[in-house]
Amino acid sequence: MADYKIIKGGKTEYVLLVPESKDEFINFAINTLNDTLEQSTGVRLPVVTKADGKFVSLGKTYALEKLNPKLTYGRDGLAVQESDGNLYLYGESDYGPIWAVYELLERKVGYRFFAFDEIKIEKREEIDVTGMSVSY
């Protein structure tokens, strides 16, 4: 099995793929993901609406449409799914991508939110998403 590290050694080959029409929910998810990754690893993912290489797809992008997952998670449902080295963060509602970002950060970055002035973010050298598949 190949290793899929979205960040390794202070570098990334990945971009953050977002829908062409971004709303406040996607913007919040973008900022939360990139700010936390930067605090943990020193790396931000470039934000794009079209990707030629490796990507982390956030929300209802054209790449998610090609993957064609069955969205049956409900209003607060989420999915974090690695497929062919790319990572998909999504859900049925506007909140789904936000919850998916938090799920990824908790599992792979050691992100813990205790209160608005008490957040733990572990320092990491790499973020490995190989085989990641979470949905509920």
Protein backbone atom coordinates (compact mmCIF):
# COMPACT_ATOMS: atom_id res chain seq x y z
CA MET A 1 0.00 0.00 0.00
CA ALA A 2 1.33 3.43 -0.92
CA ASP A 3 1.76 6.12 1.71
CA TYR A 4 -0.22 9.31 1.17
CA LYS A 5 1.22 12.13 3.20
CA ILE A 6 -0.38 15.49 2.52
CA ILE A 7 2.51 17.13 4.39
CA LYS A 8 5.99 15.73 4.86
CA GLY A 9 9.14 17.47 6.05
CA GLY A 10 7.69 20.97 5.90
CA LYS A 11 6.49 20.59 2.30
CA THR A 12 3.39 19.53 0.39
CA GLU A 13 2.55 18.37 -3.12
CA TYR A 14 -1.16 18.78 -2.36
CA VAL A 15 -3.56 21.63 -3.03
CA LEU A 16 -6.83 22.40 -1.29
CA LEU A 17 -9.52 21.96 -3.92
CA VAL A 18 -12.66 24.00 -3.19
CA PRO A 19 -15.93 24.63 -5.05
CA GLU A 20 -15.96 27.49 -7.54
CA SER A 21 -18.77 29.13 -5.58
CA LYS A 22 -17.45 29.45 -2.03
CA ASP A 23 -19.84 30.39 0.75
CA GLU A 24 -19.20 31.38 4.37
CA PHE A 25 -19.15 27.72 5.47
CA ILE A 26 -16.46 26.72 2.96
CA ASN A 27 -14.44 29.85 3.76
CA PHE A 28 -14.58 28.98 7.46
CA ALA A 29 -13.49 25.40 6.71
CA ILE A 30 -10.61 26.62 4.50
CA ASN A 31 -9.34 28.98 7.18
CA THR A 32 -9.71 26.44 9.98
CA LEU A 33 -7.87 23.74 8.04
CA ASN A 34 -5.03 25.92 6.77
CA ASP A 35 -4.52 27.86 10.01
CA THR A 36 -4.34 24.64 12.02
CA LEU A 37 -2.05 22.86 9.53
CA GLU A 38 0.25 25.87 9.57
CA GLN A 39 0.40 25.91 13.38
CA SER A 40 1.10 22.18 13.45
CA THR A 41 3.47 21.73 10.49
CA GLY A 42 4.35 25.20 9.19
CA VAL A 43 2.60 24.39 5.89
CA ARG A 44 -0.54 25.83 4.26
CA LEU A 45 -2.24 24.14 1.31
CA PRO A 46 -2.64 26.37 -1.77
CA VAL A 47 -6.38 26.98 -2.39
CA VAL A 48 -7.57 26.22 -5.95
CA THR A 49 -10.78 25.45 -7.84
CA LYS A 50 -9.09 23.11 -10.39
CA ALA A 51 -6.41 20.54 -9.61
CA ASP A 52 -3.96 18.76 -11.91
CA GLY A 53 -2.17 16.76 -9.23
CA LYS A 54 -2.76 15.62 -5.67
CA PHE A 55 -5.52 17.35 -3.72
CA VAL A 56 -7.61 17.61 -0.60
CA SER A 57 -11.18 18.19 -1.80
CA LEU A 58 -13.32 20.33 0.51
CA GLY A 59 -17.08 20.33 0.05
CA LYS A 60 -18.99 19.77 -3.18
CA THR A 61 -16.20 20.08 -5.73
CA TYR A 62 -16.11 18.71 -9.27
CA ALA A 63 -13.79 15.97 -7.96
CA LEU A 64 -16.39 14.91 -5.38
CA GLU A 65 -18.99 14.71 -8.15
CA LYS A 66 -16.67 12.36 -10.07
CA LEU A 67 -16.19 10.21 -6.96
CA ASN A 68 -20.00 10.14 -6.65
CA PRO A 69 -20.35 9.06 -3.00
CA LYS A 70 -23.75 8.25 -1.59
CA LEU A 71 -24.60 11.18 0.67
CA THR A 72 -26.86 9.83 3.39
CA TYR A 73 -25.34 11.30 6.52
CA GLY A 74 -28.00 13.85 7.44
CA ARG A 75 -27.65 17.46 8.50
CA ASP A 76 -24.69 16.97 10.83
CA GLY A 77 -23.11 14.05 8.98
CA LEU A 78 -19.59 14.07 7.63
CA ALA A 79 -17.16 12.02 5.61
CA VAL A 80 -13.37 12.00 5.40
CA GLN A 81 -12.28 9.64 2.66
CA GLU A 82 -8.95 8.91 1.01
CA SER A 83 -9.24 7.62 -2.54
CA ASP A 84 -6.29 7.10 -4.89
CA GLY A 85 -4.12 9.33 -2.72
CA ASN A 86 -6.54 12.23 -2.68
CA LEU A 87 -8.57 13.20 0.36
CA TYR A 88 -12.24 14.19 0.35
CA LEU A 89 -13.84 16.20 3.18
CA TYR A 90 -17.61 16.56 2.76
CA GLY A 91 -21.12 16.11 4.07
CA GLU A 92 -24.71 16.62 3.01
CA SER A 93 -25.32 19.99 4.65
CA ASP A 94 -23.33 23.21 4.63
CA TYR A 95 -21.84 22.15 7.97
CA GLY A 96 -20.56 18.78 6.67
CA PRO A 97 -17.20 20.04 5.34
CA ILE A 98 -16.56 21.92 8.59
CA TRP A 99 -17.22 18.82 10.70
CA ALA A 100 -15.04 16.80 8.30
CA VAL A 101 -12.18 19.28 8.75
CA TYR A 102 -12.44 18.96 12.55
CA GLU A 103 -12.51 15.16 12.28
CA LEU A 104 -9.34 15.19 10.16
CA LEU A 105 -7.61 17.62 12.51
CA GLU A 106 -8.52 15.64 15.61
CA ARG A 107 -7.35 12.31 14.17
CA LYS A 108 -4.25 13.42 12.27
CA VAL A 109 -3.05 16.67 13.86
CA GLY A 110 -3.92 16.09 17.50
CA TYR A 111 -6.28 19.10 17.51
CA ARG A 112 -8.29 19.45 20.70
CA PHE A 113 -10.75 22.25 21.46
CA PHE A 114 -11.45 22.76 25.15
CA ALA A 115 -12.61 26.41 25.16
CA PHE A 116 -12.18 29.46 22.92
CA ASP A 117 -8.96 30.34 24.73
CA GLU A 118 -7.77 26.77 25.20
CA ILE A 119 -6.97 24.84 22.03
CA LYS A 120 -4.28 22.18 21.72
CA ILE A 121 -2.52 21.65 18.38
CA GLU A 122 0.32 19.13 18.30
CA LYS A 123 3.47 19.81 16.27
CA ARG A 124 3.80 17.29 13.43
CA GLU A 125 6.44 16.58 10.79
CA GLU A 126 3.96 14.82 8.52
CA ILE A 127 0.25 14.29 8.02
CA ASP A 128 -0.46 10.80 6.66
CA VAL A 129 -3.98 10.11 5.36
CA THR A 130 -3.33 6.68 3.86
CA GLY A 131 -6.52 4.60 3.96
CA MET A 132 -8.45 7.20 5.95
CA SER A 133 -12.17 6.52 5.85
CA VAL A 134 -14.53 8.01 8.42
CA SER A 135 -18.22 8.75 8.03
CA TYR A 136 -21.14 9.24 10.36
